Amino acid sequence: MGKNYSRAGRSGDFRWPTTTGEIIRYLGIAVLVGVGAAFALNAYEAHQAREAILDALPPGYQFPGCDIVRARGLDPLYSYEPGYSESMDGDGDGIACEPYP
């Protein structure tokens, strides 16, 4: 005969962590989740700021060079984004102002 799962998931089955090891483990998990959420929010805000700058460009505008693109923090610039120019794409892969090591 199998196990009885009728009580699985009920709120009365909750048990607070009692040992120091359990508490440290749960705190560690909470810290990692918080740090991950902070990084995700920061990346999202940076993406939104980049999109706002690119959306504000007039139609057909092309940046005159990579120095300006980098100064505005928009590098690298992709071929489908406003402001892209083939003259800034040295290797012809559709990505202008790439950072090379």
Protein backbone atom coordinates (compact mmCIF):
# COMPACT_ATOMS: atom_id res chain seq x y z
CA MET A 1 0.00 0.00 0.00
CA GLY A 2 1.30 3.50 -0.87
CA LYS A 3 1.92 6.52 1.31
CA ASN A 4 -0.95 8.67 2.50
CA TYR A 5 -0.61 12.11 0.90
CA SER A 6 -3.94 13.49 2.11
CA ARG A 7 -2.25 15.99 4.47
CA ALA A 8 0.41 17.14 1.99
CA GLY A 9 0.52 20.90 1.53
CA ARG A 10 -1.75 21.84 4.39
CA SER A 11 -0.82 24.97 6.34
CA GLY A 12 -0.81 23.06 9.62
CA ASP A 13 2.26 21.13 8.42
CA PHE A 14 4.54 24.18 8.57
CA ARG A 15 7.44 24.00 11.00
CA TRP A 16 9.71 26.90 11.94
CA PRO A 17 13.44 26.21 11.55
CA THR A 18 14.83 25.23 14.93
CA THR A 19 18.53 24.59 14.47
CA THR A 20 21.19 27.18 13.75
CA GLY A 21 22.06 25.38 10.52
CA GLU A 22 18.48 25.62 9.24
CA ILE A 23 18.25 29.30 10.15
CA ILE A 24 21.55 30.09 8.41
CA ARG A 25 20.47 28.14 5.33
CA TYR A 26 17.14 30.01 5.07
CA LEU A 27 18.82 33.37 5.65
CA GLY A 28 21.38 32.55 2.99
CA ILE A 29 18.65 31.68 0.52
CA ALA A 30 16.82 34.91 1.34
CA VAL A 31 19.98 36.96 0.80
CA LEU A 32 20.71 35.28 -2.53
CA VAL A 33 17.16 35.87 -3.74
CA GLY A 34 17.39 39.53 -2.70
CA VAL A 35 20.71 40.06 -4.45
CA GLY A 36 19.40 38.37 -7.59
CA ALA A 37 16.32 40.58 -7.58
CA ALA A 38 18.47 43.69 -7.14
CA PHE A 39 20.67 42.76 -10.11
CA ALA A 40 17.62 42.02 -12.25
CA LEU A 41 16.02 45.36 -11.37
CA ASN A 42 19.24 47.23 -12.12
CA ALA A 43 19.57 45.54 -15.52
CA TYR A 44 15.93 46.31 -16.32
CA GLU A 45 16.34 49.98 -15.40
CA ALA A 46 19.50 50.25 -17.51
CA HIS A 47 17.67 48.68 -20.46
CA GLN A 48 14.77 51.13 -20.03
CA ALA A 49 17.16 54.10 -19.95
CA ARG A 50 18.92 52.88 -23.10
CA GLU A 51 15.61 52.41 -24.91
CA ALA A 52 14.46 55.91 -23.89
CA ILE A 53 17.60 57.47 -25.39
CA LEU A 54 17.28 55.49 -28.62
CA ASP A 55 13.55 56.20 -28.94
CA ALA A 56 14.20 59.95 -28.61
CA LEU A 57 16.41 59.99 -31.72
CA PRO A 58 14.82 61.52 -34.82
CA PRO A 59 13.90 59.07 -37.60
CA GLY A 60 16.83 58.23 -39.85
CA TYR A 61 19.43 59.64 -37.46
CA GLN A 62 22.85 58.01 -37.55
CA PHE A 63 25.56 58.66 -35.00
CA PRO A 64 28.65 60.22 -36.57
CA GLY A 65 31.06 57.92 -34.75
CA CYS A 66 31.60 55.44 -31.95
CA ASP A 67 33.01 58.05 -29.56
CA ILE A 68 29.58 59.65 -29.23
CA VAL A 69 27.86 56.27 -28.92
CA ARG A 70 30.24 55.28 -26.12
CA ALA A 71 29.92 58.67 -24.40
CA ARG A 72 26.17 58.16 -24.19
CA GLY A 73 26.62 54.61 -22.89
CA LEU A 74 24.88 53.01 -25.87
CA ASP A 75 27.64 50.70 -27.06
CA PRO A 76 27.42 48.26 -28.68
CA LEU A 77 24.85 49.46 -31.19
CA TYR A 78 22.95 46.82 -33.20
CA SER A 79 21.83 47.12 -36.83
CA TYR A 80 18.12 47.11 -35.90
CA GLU A 81 18.52 50.01 -33.46
CA PRO A 82 18.12 53.68 -34.36
CA GLY A 83 21.43 55.49 -34.85
CA TYR A 84 23.26 52.50 -36.34
CA SER A 85 25.54 53.18 -39.26
CA GLU A 86 27.44 50.64 -41.36
CA SER A 87 30.45 52.95 -41.25
CA MET A 88 30.80 52.21 -37.52
CA ASP A 89 30.62 48.44 -38.03
CA GLY A 90 34.20 47.47 -38.77
CA ASP A 91 33.67 43.74 -39.30
CA GLY A 92 30.22 43.89 -40.93
CA ASP A 93 28.44 41.65 -38.41
CA GLY A 94 25.63 44.11 -37.64
CA ILE A 95 27.10 45.26 -34.33
CA ALA A 96 28.73 48.70 -34.29
CA CYS A 97 31.11 50.09 -31.68
CA GLU A 98 31.98 46.69 -30.28
CA PRO A 99 34.41 46.63 -27.36
CA TYR A 100 37.48 44.73 -28.46
CA PRO A 101 40.00 43.53 -25.88
